[in-house]
Amino acid sequence: MASLFKAYNTLLIRRPMLAQCATAAVLFGAGDIIAQQAVERRGKEHDFARTARLTFYGGAMFGPAMTKWYQLLNRIQFKSPTKAIVYRVWLDQCILTPGAVVVFFGSMAVLEGKPREAVPRIGAGYVPTLLRNWCVFVPTQIINFWLVPPHLRFVVVSVVSLFWNTYLSVANANATKLAESAIEEKQVEKIEG
């Protein structure tokens, strides 16, 4: 196990984009599997396309964006370690996260072939997801920026994200249902109106 961690650590240093994209893909996919099997109890009715979409999103969208984001945050110099922690957490949670939540729900709608649902889905899932994100990731990022070496910060976020991705998968499924209902109601209103 120690040699596996050493190899992964070496890969993170030598090929950060590859390592972090693969990590994000695996953890987003695993989060969806946990969501479908442990939370939604879908059993044999598992939606493999949904797992594939989330795996793709993690590896092709989230992984590259977060790799570049952490590289940027690590390059910014601050006058004191305390200011570095405060400003990095603030930048992460107040600048990046609000946009990332919009991108997540919008991307899922597009990847599902339902671009018309993007705006209603964002409307249904945005505020509760953002608030819950802050409850999970503000403390995580304080610890992350305070104690974790820069090349391992993405890994820490990724491990916490396994549980967060489970939540996102369920939140997206719920937002999809709300968006579909909102679209159907508007269509009925148009017909009746």
N, C-alpha and C. Protein backbone atom coordinates (compact mmCIF):
# COMPACT_ATOMS: atom_id res chain seq x y z
N MET A 1 0.82 -1.20 0.00
CA MET A 1 0.00 0.00 0.00
C MET A 1 0.87 1.26 0.00
N ALA A 2 1.96 1.22 0.76
CA ALA A 2 2.86 2.37 0.82
C ALA A 2 3.49 2.64 -0.55
N SER A 3 3.82 1.58 -1.28
CA SER A 3 4.43 1.76 -2.60
C SER A 3 3.40 2.34 -3.59
N LEU A 4 2.14 1.99 -3.44
CA LEU A 4 1.08 2.53 -4.29
C LEU A 4 0.93 4.03 -4.03
N PHE A 5 0.92 4.42 -2.76
CA PHE A 5 0.83 5.84 -2.42
C PHE A 5 2.05 6.59 -2.93
N LYS A 6 3.22 5.99 -2.82
CA LYS A 6 4.44 6.63 -3.30
C LYS A 6 4.38 6.83 -4.82
N ALA A 7 3.91 5.82 -5.54
CA ALA A 7 3.78 5.92 -7.00
C ALA A 7 2.76 7.00 -7.38
N TYR A 8 1.66 7.05 -6.65
CA TYR A 8 0.63 8.06 -6.92
C TYR A 8 1.18 9.45 -6.62
N ASN A 9 1.89 9.60 -5.53
CA ASN A 9 2.50 10.87 -5.15
C ASN A 9 3.48 11.33 -6.24
N THR A 10 4.28 10.40 -6.75
CA THR A 10 5.22 10.71 -7.83
C THR A 10 4.48 11.16 -9.07
N LEU A 11 3.40 10.46 -9.41
CA LEU A 11 2.59 10.83 -10.57
C LEU A 11 1.97 12.22 -10.39
N LEU A 12 1.52 12.54 -9.18
CA LEU A 12 0.97 13.86 -8.90
C LEU A 12 1.99 14.97 -9.16
N ILE A 13 3.24 14.69 -8.83
CA ILE A 13 4.29 15.70 -9.02
C ILE A 13 4.71 15.77 -10.48
N ARG A 14 4.88 14.63 -11.12
CA ARG A 14 5.38 14.60 -12.51
C ARG A 14 4.31 14.90 -13.55
N ARG A 15 3.12 14.37 -13.35
CA ARG A 15 2.02 14.53 -14.31
C ARG A 15 0.74 14.94 -13.57
N PRO A 16 0.71 16.14 -12.98
CA PRO A 16 -0.44 16.53 -12.15
C PRO A 16 -1.77 16.52 -12.89
N MET A 17 -1.79 16.97 -14.14
CA MET A 17 -3.07 17.01 -14.86
C MET A 17 -3.62 15.60 -15.06
N LEU A 18 -2.79 14.69 -15.52
CA LEU A 18 -3.23 13.31 -15.74
C LEU A 18 -3.70 12.67 -14.44
N ALA A 19 -2.90 12.79 -13.40
CA ALA A 19 -3.23 12.16 -12.11
C ALA A 19 -4.52 12.74 -11.53
N GLN A 20 -4.66 14.04 -11.60
CA GLN A 20 -5.82 14.67 -10.98
C GLN A 20 -7.09 14.47 -11.81
N CYS A 21 -6.97 14.42 -13.12
CA CYS A 21 -8.14 14.13 -13.96
C CYS A 21 -8.62 12.70 -13.74
N ALA A 22 -7.67 11.77 -13.67
CA ALA A 22 -8.04 10.36 -13.42
C ALA A 22 -8.67 10.21 -12.04
N THR A 23 -8.11 10.89 -11.05
CA THR A 23 -8.65 10.85 -9.69
C THR A 23 -10.08 11.39 -9.67
N ALA A 24 -10.29 12.53 -10.31
CA ALA A 24 -11.63 13.13 -10.34
C ALA A 24 -12.62 12.22 -11.06
N ALA A 25 -12.20 11.62 -12.17
CA ALA A 25 -13.10 10.72 -12.90
C ALA A 25 -13.53 9.55 -12.03
N VAL A 26 -12.57 8.91 -11.39
CA VAL A 26 -12.88 7.75 -10.54
C VAL A 26 -13.79 8.15 -9.38
N LEU A 27 -13.49 9.27 -8.74
CA LEU A 27 -14.27 9.66 -7.57
C LEU A 27 -15.67 10.18 -7.92
N PHE A 28 -15.83 10.83 -9.06
CA PHE A 28 -17.18 11.23 -9.47
C PHE A 28 -17.99 10.00 -9.82
N GLY A 29 -17.39 9.06 -10.54
CA GLY A 29 -18.09 7.82 -10.87
C GLY A 29 -18.46 7.03 -9.62
N ALA A 30 -17.51 6.92 -8.70
CA ALA A 30 -17.77 6.21 -7.45
C ALA A 30 -18.86 6.91 -6.64
N GLY A 31 -18.84 8.23 -6.62
CA GLY A 31 -19.88 8.97 -5.91
C GLY A 31 -21.26 8.69 -6.46
N ASP A 32 -21.36 8.58 -7.78
CA ASP A 32 -22.66 8.26 -8.38
C ASP A 32 -23.08 6.83 -8.07
N ILE A 33 -22.14 5.91 -8.09
CA ILE A 33 -22.48 4.52 -7.74
C ILE A 33 -23.01 4.45 -6.31
N ILE A 34 -22.33 5.14 -5.40
CA ILE A 34 -22.79 5.17 -4.00
C ILE A 34 -24.18 5.81 -3.93
N ALA A 35 -24.37 6.91 -4.68
CA ALA A 35 -25.68 7.58 -4.66
C ALA A 35 -26.78 6.66 -5.15
N GLN A 36 -26.53 5.98 -6.26
CA GLN A 36 -27.58 5.12 -6.82
C GLN A 36 -27.82 3.86 -6.00
N GLN A 37 -26.77 3.29 -5.44
CA GLN A 37 -26.92 2.02 -4.74
C GLN A 37 -27.21 2.19 -3.25
N ALA A 38 -26.50 3.07 -2.58
CA ALA A 38 -26.67 3.20 -1.12
C ALA A 38 -27.77 4.19 -0.74
N VAL A 39 -27.92 5.27 -1.52
CA VAL A 39 -28.91 6.30 -1.17
C VAL A 39 -30.24 6.02 -1.86
N GLU A 40 -30.21 5.87 -3.18
CA GLU A 40 -31.44 5.68 -3.94
C GLU A 40 -31.89 4.22 -4.00
N ARG A 41 -31.02 3.31 -3.63
CA ARG A 41 -31.31 1.87 -3.59
C ARG A 41 -31.88 1.36 -4.93
N ARG A 42 -31.18 1.67 -6.02
CA ARG A 42 -31.65 1.31 -7.35
C ARG A 42 -31.38 -0.15 -7.71
N GLY A 43 -30.41 -0.77 -7.05
CA GLY A 43 -30.13 -2.18 -7.31
C GLY A 43 -29.83 -2.45 -8.77
N LYS A 44 -30.58 -3.39 -9.36
CA LYS A 44 -30.35 -3.77 -10.75
C LYS A 44 -30.80 -2.69 -11.74
N GLU A 45 -31.52 -1.70 -11.26
CA GLU A 45 -31.98 -0.59 -12.11
C GLU A 45 -30.95 0.53 -12.19
N HIS A 46 -29.70 0.20 -11.92
CA HIS A 46 -28.61 1.19 -11.93
C HIS A 46 -28.56 1.87 -13.30
N ASP A 47 -28.45 3.19 -13.30
CA ASP A 47 -28.37 3.98 -14.53
C ASP A 47 -26.89 4.15 -14.89
N PHE A 48 -26.38 3.26 -15.74
CA PHE A 48 -24.97 3.29 -16.10
C PHE A 48 -24.61 4.52 -16.93
N ALA A 49 -25.56 5.03 -17.70
CA ALA A 49 -25.30 6.25 -18.47
C ALA A 49 -25.07 7.43 -17.53
N ARG A 50 -25.83 7.49 -16.45
CA ARG A 50 -25.66 8.55 -15.46
C ARG A 50 -24.26 8.45 -14.83
N THR A 51 -23.84 7.24 -14.48
CA THR A 51 -22.50 7.05 -13.92
C THR A 51 -21.44 7.47 -14.93
N ALA A 52 -21.64 7.12 -16.18
CA ALA A 52 -20.68 7.51 -17.23
C ALA A 52 -20.62 9.02 -17.39
N ARG A 53 -21.78 9.69 -17.34
CA ARG A 53 -21.80 11.15 -17.46
C ARG A 53 -21.02 11.80 -16.32
N LEU A 54 -21.26 11.34 -15.12
CA LEU A 54 -20.56 11.92 -13.97
C LEU A 54 -19.07 11.60 -14.00
N THR A 55 -18.72 10.42 -14.45
CA THR A 55 -17.30 10.06 -14.58
C THR A 55 -16.64 10.97 -15.62
N PHE A 56 -17.32 11.15 -16.76
CA PHE A 56 -16.81 12.05 -17.80
C PHE A 56 -16.66 13.46 -17.26
N TYR A 57 -17.69 13.97 -16.60
CA TYR A 57 -17.63 15.32 -16.04
C TYR A 57 -16.43 15.45 -15.10
N GLY A 58 -16.25 14.48 -14.22
CA GLY A 58 -15.13 14.55 -13.28
C GLY A 58 -13.78 14.57 -13.97
N GLY A 59 -13.59 13.68 -14.95
CA GLY A 59 -12.29 13.57 -15.60
C GLY A 59 -12.01 14.62 -16.66
N ALA A 60 -13.03 15.01 -17.41
CA ALA A 60 -12.82 15.91 -18.54
C ALA A 60 -13.11 17.38 -18.23
N MET A 61 -13.90 17.65 -17.20
CA MET A 61 -14.27 19.03 -16.91
C MET A 61 -13.76 19.47 -15.53
N PHE A 62 -14.17 18.75 -14.50
CA PHE A 62 -13.80 19.13 -13.14
C PHE A 62 -12.30 18.99 -12.90
N GLY A 63 -11.74 17.85 -13.28
CA GLY A 63 -10.32 17.59 -13.05
C GLY A 63 -9.40 18.65 -13.65
N PRO A 64 -9.51 18.94 -14.96
CA PRO A 64 -8.64 19.96 -15.54
C PRO A 64 -8.84 21.35 -14.92
N ALA A 65 -10.10 21.72 -14.70
CA ALA A 65 -10.38 23.04 -14.14
C ALA A 65 -9.79 23.18 -12.73
N MET A 66 -9.98 22.15 -11.91
CA MET A 66 -9.46 22.23 -10.54
C MET A 66 -7.94 22.16 -10.49
N THR A 67 -7.34 21.40 -11.40
CA THR A 67 -5.88 21.33 -11.45
C THR A 67 -5.32 22.72 -11.71
N LYS A 68 -5.87 23.39 -12.71
CA LYS A 68 -5.40 24.76 -13.04
C LYS A 68 -5.73 25.74 -11.91
N TRP A 69 -6.90 25.58 -11.29
CA TRP A 69 -7.30 26.48 -10.21
C TRP A 69 -6.32 26.37 -9.03
N TYR A 70 -5.99 25.15 -8.63
CA TYR A 70 -5.06 24.99 -7.50
C TYR A 70 -3.66 25.46 -7.86
N GLN A 71 -3.25 25.29 -9.11
CA GLN A 71 -1.96 25.81 -9.53
C GLN A 71 -1.96 27.33 -9.41
N LEU A 72 -3.05 27.98 -9.81
CA LEU A 72 -3.16 29.44 -9.68
C LEU A 72 -3.12 29.86 -8.22
N LEU A 73 -3.95 29.21 -7.38
CA LEU A 73 -3.97 29.57 -5.96
C LEU A 73 -2.61 29.38 -5.30
N ASN A 74 -1.88 28.35 -5.71
CA ASN A 74 -0.57 28.10 -5.12
C ASN A 74 0.48 29.12 -5.56
N ARG A 75 0.29 29.75 -6.72
CA ARG A 75 1.24 30.75 -7.21
C ARG A 75 1.04 32.11 -6.55
N ILE A 76 -0.16 32.39 -6.07
CA ILE A 76 -0.43 33.69 -5.46
C ILE A 76 0.30 33.77 -4.12
N GLN A 77 1.06 34.84 -3.96
CA GLN A 77 1.84 35.04 -2.73
C GLN A 77 1.09 35.98 -1.78
N PHE A 78 1.13 35.68 -0.49
CA PHE A 78 0.48 36.49 0.52
C PHE A 78 1.50 36.89 1.58
N LYS A 79 1.20 37.95 2.32
CA LYS A 79 2.16 38.49 3.29
C LYS A 79 2.35 37.60 4.51
N SER A 80 1.34 36.81 4.84
CA SER A 80 1.47 35.93 6.01
C SER A 80 0.75 34.61 5.73
N PRO A 81 1.12 33.57 6.45
CA PRO A 81 0.43 32.28 6.27
C PRO A 81 -1.07 32.37 6.59
N THR A 82 -1.43 33.16 7.60
CA THR A 82 -2.84 33.30 7.97
C THR A 82 -3.61 33.96 6.84
N LYS A 83 -3.06 35.03 6.27
CA LYS A 83 -3.73 35.69 5.14
C LYS A 83 -3.83 34.74 3.95
N ALA A 84 -2.81 33.94 3.74
CA ALA A 84 -2.84 32.98 2.64
C ALA A 84 -4.01 32.02 2.79
N ILE A 85 -4.21 31.51 3.98
CA ILE A 85 -5.32 30.58 4.22
C ILE A 85 -6.66 31.28 4.00
N VAL A 86 -6.83 32.43 4.63
CA VAL A 86 -8.09 33.16 4.54
C VAL A 86 -8.42 33.52 3.10
N TYR A 87 -7.46 34.09 2.38
CA TYR A 87 -7.72 34.51 1.00
C TYR A 87 -7.90 33.34 0.05
N ARG A 88 -7.15 32.28 0.23
CA ARG A 88 -7.31 31.12 -0.65
C ARG A 88 -8.69 30.48 -0.44
N VAL A 89 -9.10 30.35 0.81
CA VAL A 89 -10.43 29.79 1.07
C VAL A 89 -11.50 30.73 0.51
N TRP A 90 -11.32 32.03 0.71
CA TRP A 90 -12.29 32.99 0.20
C TRP A 90 -12.37 32.91 -1.33
N LEU A 91 -11.22 32.93 -2.00
CA LEU A 91 -11.20 32.84 -3.46
C LEU A 91 -11.87 31.54 -3.93
N ASP A 92 -11.54 30.45 -3.25
CA ASP A 92 -12.08 29.15 -3.64
C ASP A 92 -13.60 29.09 -3.46
N GLN A 93 -14.08 29.58 -2.34
CA GLN A 93 -15.50 29.41 -2.02
C GLN A 93 -16.40 30.55 -2.51
N CYS A 94 -15.85 31.74 -2.72
CA CYS A 94 -16.68 32.87 -3.14
C CYS A 94 -16.51 33.25 -4.60
N ILE A 95 -15.41 32.87 -5.19
CA ILE A 95 -15.19 33.17 -6.61
C ILE A 95 -15.43 31.92 -7.46
N LEU A 96 -14.75 30.83 -7.14
CA LEU A 96 -14.85 29.61 -7.96
C LEU A 96 -16.16 28.86 -7.76
N THR A 97 -16.50 28.58 -6.52
CA THR A 97 -17.61 27.67 -6.22
C THR A 97 -18.96 28.10 -6.79
N PRO A 98 -19.36 29.37 -6.68
CA PRO A 98 -20.67 29.73 -7.26
C PRO A 98 -20.76 29.42 -8.75
N GLY A 99 -19.71 29.68 -9.49
CA GLY A 99 -19.70 29.35 -10.91
C GLY A 99 -19.64 27.86 -11.16
N ALA A 100 -18.88 27.15 -10.33
CA ALA A 100 -18.74 25.70 -10.50
C ALA A 100 -20.08 24.99 -10.30
N VAL A 101 -20.90 25.48 -9.39
CA VAL A 101 -22.21 24.87 -9.16
C VAL A 101 -23.10 25.06 -10.40
N VAL A 102 -23.06 26.25 -10.98
CA VAL A 102 -23.82 26.51 -12.21
C VAL A 102 -23.34 25.59 -13.33
N VAL A 103 -22.02 25.49 -13.49
CA VAL A 103 -21.45 24.64 -14.54
C VAL A 103 -21.85 23.18 -14.33
N PHE A 104 -21.84 22.72 -13.09
CA PHE A 104 -22.20 21.33 -12.84
C PHE A 104 -23.63 21.03 -13.30
N PHE A 105 -24.60 21.79 -12.81
CA PHE A 105 -25.99 21.50 -13.16
C PHE A 105 -26.25 21.74 -14.65
N GLY A 106 -25.66 22.78 -15.21
CA GLY A 106 -25.82 23.04 -16.64
C GLY A 106 -25.20 21.94 -17.49
N SER A 107 -24.00 21.50 -17.11
CA SER A 107 -23.32 20.42 -17.84
C SER A 107 -24.10 19.13 -17.79
N MET A 108 -24.65 18.82 -16.64
CA MET A 108 -25.41 17.58 -16.53
C MET A 108 -26.63 17.61 -17.45
N ALA A 109 -27.31 18.75 -17.52
CA ALA A 109 -28.47 18.86 -18.42
C ALA A 109 -28.04 18.67 -19.87
N VAL A 110 -26.95 19.30 -20.26
CA VAL A 110 -26.48 19.18 -21.64
C VAL A 110 -26.01 17.75 -21.93
N LEU A 111 -25.25 17.15 -21.01
CA LEU A 111 -24.76 15.79 -21.21
C LEU A 111 -25.90 14.77 -21.26
N GLU A 112 -27.01 15.08 -20.63
CA GLU A 112 -28.18 14.20 -20.68
C GLU A 112 -29.00 14.44 -21.94
N GLY A 113 -28.59 15.42 -22.76
CA GLY A 113 -29.35 15.74 -23.97
C GLY A 113 -30.58 16.56 -23.69
N LYS A 114 -30.60 17.28 -22.56
CA LYS A 114 -31.75 18.07 -22.18
C LYS A 114 -31.34 19.53 -21.90
N PRO A 115 -30.77 20.22 -22.90
CA PRO A 115 -30.29 21.58 -22.65
C PRO A 115 -31.39 22.55 -22.21
N ARG A 116 -32.64 22.28 -22.60
CA ARG A 116 -33.75 23.15 -22.16
C ARG A 116 -33.95 23.11 -20.66
N GLU A 117 -33.50 22.03 -20.03
CA GLU A 117 -33.65 21.89 -18.58
C GLU A 117 -32.54 22.57 -17.79
N ALA A 118 -31.51 23.08 -18.46
CA ALA A 118 -30.36 23.63 -17.75
C ALA A 118 -30.75 24.74 -16.78
N VAL A 119 -31.48 25.73 -17.27
CA VAL A 119 -31.82 26.87 -16.41
C VAL A 119 -32.75 26.46 -15.27
N PRO A 120 -33.84 25.71 -15.55
CA PRO A 120 -34.67 25.28 -14.42
C PRO A 120 -33.92 24.38 -13.43
N ARG A 121 -33.02 23.55 -13.93
CA ARG A 121 -32.25 22.67 -13.05
C ARG A 121 -31.31 23.48 -12.17
N ILE A 122 -30.65 24.46 -12.76
CA ILE A 122 -29.77 25.35 -11.98
C ILE A 122 -30.60 26.06 -10.92
N GLY A 123 -31.77 26.56 -11.32
CA GLY A 123 -32.64 27.25 -10.36
C GLY A 123 -33.07 26.35 -9.21
N ALA A 124 -33.33 25.09 -9.51
CA ALA A 124 -33.79 24.17 -8.47
C ALA A 124 -32.66 23.72 -7.54
N GLY A 125 -31.45 23.58 -8.07
CA GLY A 125 -30.37 23.01 -7.27
C GLY A 125 -29.33 23.97 -6.75
N TYR A 126 -29.30 25.19 -7.28
CA TYR A 126 -28.19 26.10 -6.99
C TYR A 126 -28.04 26.46 -5.52
N VAL A 127 -29.04 27.10 -4.94
CA VAL A 127 -28.91 27.63 -3.58
C VAL A 127 -28.67 26.52 -2.55
N PRO A 128 -29.47 25.44 -2.54
CA PRO A 128 -29.19 24.41 -1.52
C PRO A 128 -27.81 23.76 -1.70
N THR A 129 -27.39 23.59 -2.96
CA THR A 129 -26.08 22.98 -3.20
C THR A 129 -24.96 23.91 -2.75
N LEU A 130 -25.08 25.18 -3.07
CA LEU A 130 -24.04 26.15 -2.68
C LEU A 130 -23.93 26.25 -1.15
N LEU A 131 -25.06 26.31 -0.47
CA LEU A 131 -25.03 26.41 0.99
C LEU A 131 -24.42 25.16 1.62
N ARG A 132 -24.80 24.00 1.12
CA ARG A 132 -24.23 22.76 1.66
C ARG A 132 -22.75 22.65 1.32
N ASN A 133 -22.38 23.11 0.14
CA ASN A 133 -20.96 23.13 -0.25
C ASN A 133 -20.15 23.93 0.77
N TRP A 134 -20.65 25.09 1.13
CA TRP A 134 -19.91 25.92 2.09
C TRP A 134 -19.77 25.22 3.44
N CYS A 135 -20.81 24.51 3.86
CA CYS A 135 -20.73 23.79 5.14
C CYS A 135 -19.66 22.70 5.10
N VAL A 136 -19.48 22.07 3.95
CA VAL A 136 -18.51 20.99 3.82
C VAL A 136 -17.11 21.52 3.50
N PHE A 137 -17.03 22.42 2.52
CA PHE A 137 -15.73 22.76 1.97
C PHE A 137 -15.03 23.95 2.62
N VAL A 138 -15.72 24.83 3.32
CA VAL A 138 -14.99 25.89 4.03
C VAL A 138 -14.07 25.26 5.08
N PRO A 139 -14.58 24.39 5.96
CA PRO A 139 -13.66 23.76 6.92
C PRO A 139 -12.61 22.87 6.24
N THR A 140 -13.03 22.15 5.20
CA THR A 140 -12.08 21.30 4.48
C THR A 140 -10.95 22.13 3.90
N GLN A 141 -11.29 23.24 3.27
CA GLN A 141 -10.26 24.05 2.64
C GLN A 141 -9.37 24.78 3.65
N ILE A 142 -9.92 25.14 4.79
CA ILE A 142 -9.07 25.73 5.83
C ILE A 142 -7.98 24.74 6.22
N ILE A 143 -8.37 23.51 6.48
CA ILE A 143 -7.40 22.46 6.83
C ILE A 143 -6.47 22.20 5.65
N ASN A 144 -7.03 22.12 4.47
CA ASN A 144 -6.26 21.83 3.26
C ASN A 144 -5.17 22.87 3.02
N PHE A 145 -5.52 24.15 3.05
CA PHE A 145 -4.53 25.20 2.78
C PHE A 145 -3.58 25.43 3.96
N TRP A 146 -3.98 24.97 5.12
CA TRP A 146 -3.15 25.16 6.31
C TRP A 146 -2.12 24.05 6.46
N LEU A 147 -2.54 22.80 6.26
CA LEU A 147 -1.68 21.66 6.61
C LEU A 147 -1.15 20.83 5.44
N VAL A 148 -1.79 20.90 4.30
CA VAL A 148 -1.49 19.96 3.22
C VAL A 148 -0.50 20.57 2.22
N PRO A 149 0.52 19.80 1.82
CA PRO A 149 1.45 20.30 0.78
C PRO A 149 0.69 20.59 -0.51
N PRO A 150 1.09 21.62 -1.26
CA PRO A 150 0.34 22.04 -2.45
C PRO A 150 0.01 20.91 -3.44
N HIS A 151 0.92 20.00 -3.70
CA HIS A 151 0.65 18.97 -4.71
C HIS A 151 -0.38 17.94 -4.24
N LEU A 152 -0.69 17.92 -2.95
CA LEU A 152 -1.68 16.97 -2.42
C LEU A 152 -3.04 17.61 -2.13
N ARG A 153 -3.17 18.91 -2.32
CA ARG A 153 -4.43 19.60 -1.99
C ARG A 153 -5.60 19.09 -2.83
N PHE A 154 -5.37 18.86 -4.09
CA PHE A 154 -6.43 18.33 -4.94
C PHE A 154 -6.88 16.96 -4.44
N VAL A 155 -5.92 16.15 -3.97
CA VAL A 155 -6.25 14.81 -3.47
C VAL A 155 -7.15 14.90 -2.24
N VAL A 156 -6.83 15.81 -1.33
CA VAL A 156 -7.65 15.99 -0.13
C VAL A 156 -9.07 16.38 -0.52
N VAL A 157 -9.17 17.34 -1.42
CA VAL A 157 -10.49 17.76 -1.88
C VAL A 157 -11.20 16.60 -2.58
N SER A 158 -10.45 15.81 -3.33
CA SER A 158 -11.04 14.68 -4.05
C SER A 158 -11.58 13.62 -3.10
N VAL A 159 -10.88 13.34 -2.03
CA VAL A 159 -11.36 12.34 -1.07
C VAL A 159 -12.64 12.83 -0.40
N VAL A 160 -12.66 14.09 0.03
CA VAL A 160 -13.88 14.65 0.61
C VAL A 160 -14.98 14.67 -0.46
N SER A 161 -14.55 14.90 -1.70
CA SER A 161 -15.51 14.95 -2.81
C SER A 161 -16.19 13.63 -3.08
N LEU A 162 -15.59 12.53 -2.69
CA LEU A 162 -16.28 11.24 -2.89
C LEU A 162 -17.66 11.31 -2.23
N PHE A 163 -17.70 11.81 -1.02
CA PHE A 163 -18.98 11.95 -0.32
C PHE A 163 -19.79 13.11 -0.91
N TRP A 164 -19.11 14.19 -1.26
CA TRP A 164 -19.78 15.33 -1.87
C TRP A 164 -20.38 14.94 -3.22
N ASN A 165 -19.65 14.15 -4.01
CA ASN A 165 -20.14 13.73 -5.32
C ASN A 165 -21.38 12.85 -5.19
N THR A 166 -21.44 12.09 -4.12
CA THR A 166 -22.65 11.30 -3.84
C THR A 166 -23.82 12.26 -3.66
N TYR A 167 -23.61 13.31 -2.87
CA TYR A 167 -24.64 14.32 -2.68
C TYR A 167 -25.00 14.98 -4.03
N LEU A 168 -23.97 15.37 -4.81
CA LEU A 168 -24.24 16.04 -6.09
C LEU A 168 -25.07 15.17 -7.03
N SER A 169 -24.76 13.90 -7.05
CA SER A 169 -25.50 12.98 -7.91
C SER A 169 -26.97 12.95 -7.52
N VAL A 170 -27.24 12.85 -6.23
CA VAL A 170 -28.63 12.85 -5.75
C VAL A 170 -29.27 14.21 -5.99
N ALA A 171 -28.54 15.29 -5.74
CA ALA A 171 -29.07 16.64 -5.95
C ALA A 171 -29.41 16.86 -7.42
N ASN A 172 -28.55 16.37 -8.31
CA ASN A 172 -28.82 16.51 -9.75
C ASN A 172 -30.07 15.71 -10.14
N ALA A 173 -30.21 14.51 -9.61
CA ALA A 173 -31.40 13.71 -9.92
C ALA A 173 -32.66 14.42 -9.43
N ASN A 174 -32.60 14.99 -8.23
CA ASN A 174 -33.75 15.73 -7.70
C ASN A 174 -34.02 17.00 -8.50
N ALA A 175 -32.96 17.74 -8.85
CA ALA A 175 -33.13 18.97 -9.64
C ALA A 175 -33.70 18.65 -11.02
N THR A 176 -33.32 17.50 -11.57
CA THR A 176 -33.86 17.07 -12.87
C THR A 176 -35.36 16.88 -12.77
N LYS A 177 -35.81 16.22 -11.72
CA LYS A 177 -37.25 16.01 -11.55
C LYS A 177 -37.99 17.33 -11.40
N LEU A 178 -37.42 18.26 -10.61
CA LEU A 178 -38.05 19.57 -10.44
C LEU A 178 -38.08 20.35 -11.74
N ALA A 179 -36.97 20.29 -12.50
CA ALA A 179 -36.90 21.00 -13.78
C ALA A 179 -37.91 20.44 -14.78
N GLU A 180 -38.03 19.11 -14.83
CA GLU A 180 -39.00 18.49 -15.75
C GLU A 180 -40.42 18.90 -15.37
N SER A 181 -40.71 18.95 -14.07
CA SER A 181 -42.04 19.37 -13.61
C SER A 181 -42.31 20.82 -13.98
N ALA A 182 -41.30 21.69 -13.82
CA ALA A 182 -41.47 23.10 -14.15
C ALA A 182 -41.71 23.29 -15.64
N ILE A 183 -41.00 22.55 -16.47
CA ILE A 183 -41.18 22.65 -17.92
C ILE A 183 -42.56 22.15 -18.32
N GLU A 184 -43.00 21.03 -17.72
CA GLU A 184 -44.34 20.50 -18.02
C GLU A 184 -45.43 21.48 -17.62
N GLU A 185 -45.26 22.13 -16.45
CA GLU A 185 -46.25 23.11 -15.99
C GLU A 185 -46.34 24.28 -16.96
N LYS A 186 -45.19 24.75 -17.45
CA LYS A 186 -45.20 25.87 -18.41
C LYS A 186 -45.87 25.47 -19.71
N GLN A 187 -45.66 24.23 -20.15
CA GLN A 187 -46.29 23.76 -21.38
C GLN A 187 -47.79 23.66 -21.20
N VAL A 188 -48.24 23.19 -20.04
CA VAL A 188 -49.67 23.11 -19.76
C VAL A 188 -50.27 24.50 -19.72
N GLU A 189 -49.57 25.46 -19.08
CA GLU A 189 -50.07 26.84 -19.02
C GLU A 189 -50.21 27.45 -20.42
N LYS A 190 -49.24 27.15 -21.31
CA LYS A 190 -49.31 27.66 -22.68
C LYS A 190 -50.51 27.09 -23.43
N ILE A 191 -50.75 25.79 -23.21
CA ILE A 191 -51.87 25.12 -23.88
C ILE A 191 -53.20 25.67 -23.35
N GLU A 192 -53.29 25.84 -22.03
CA GLU A 192 -54.53 26.32 -21.43
C GLU A 192 -54.72 27.82 -21.66
N GLY A 193 -53.61 28.56 -21.78
CA GLY A 193 -53.66 30.02 -21.88
C GLY A 193 -53.95 30.52 -23.21
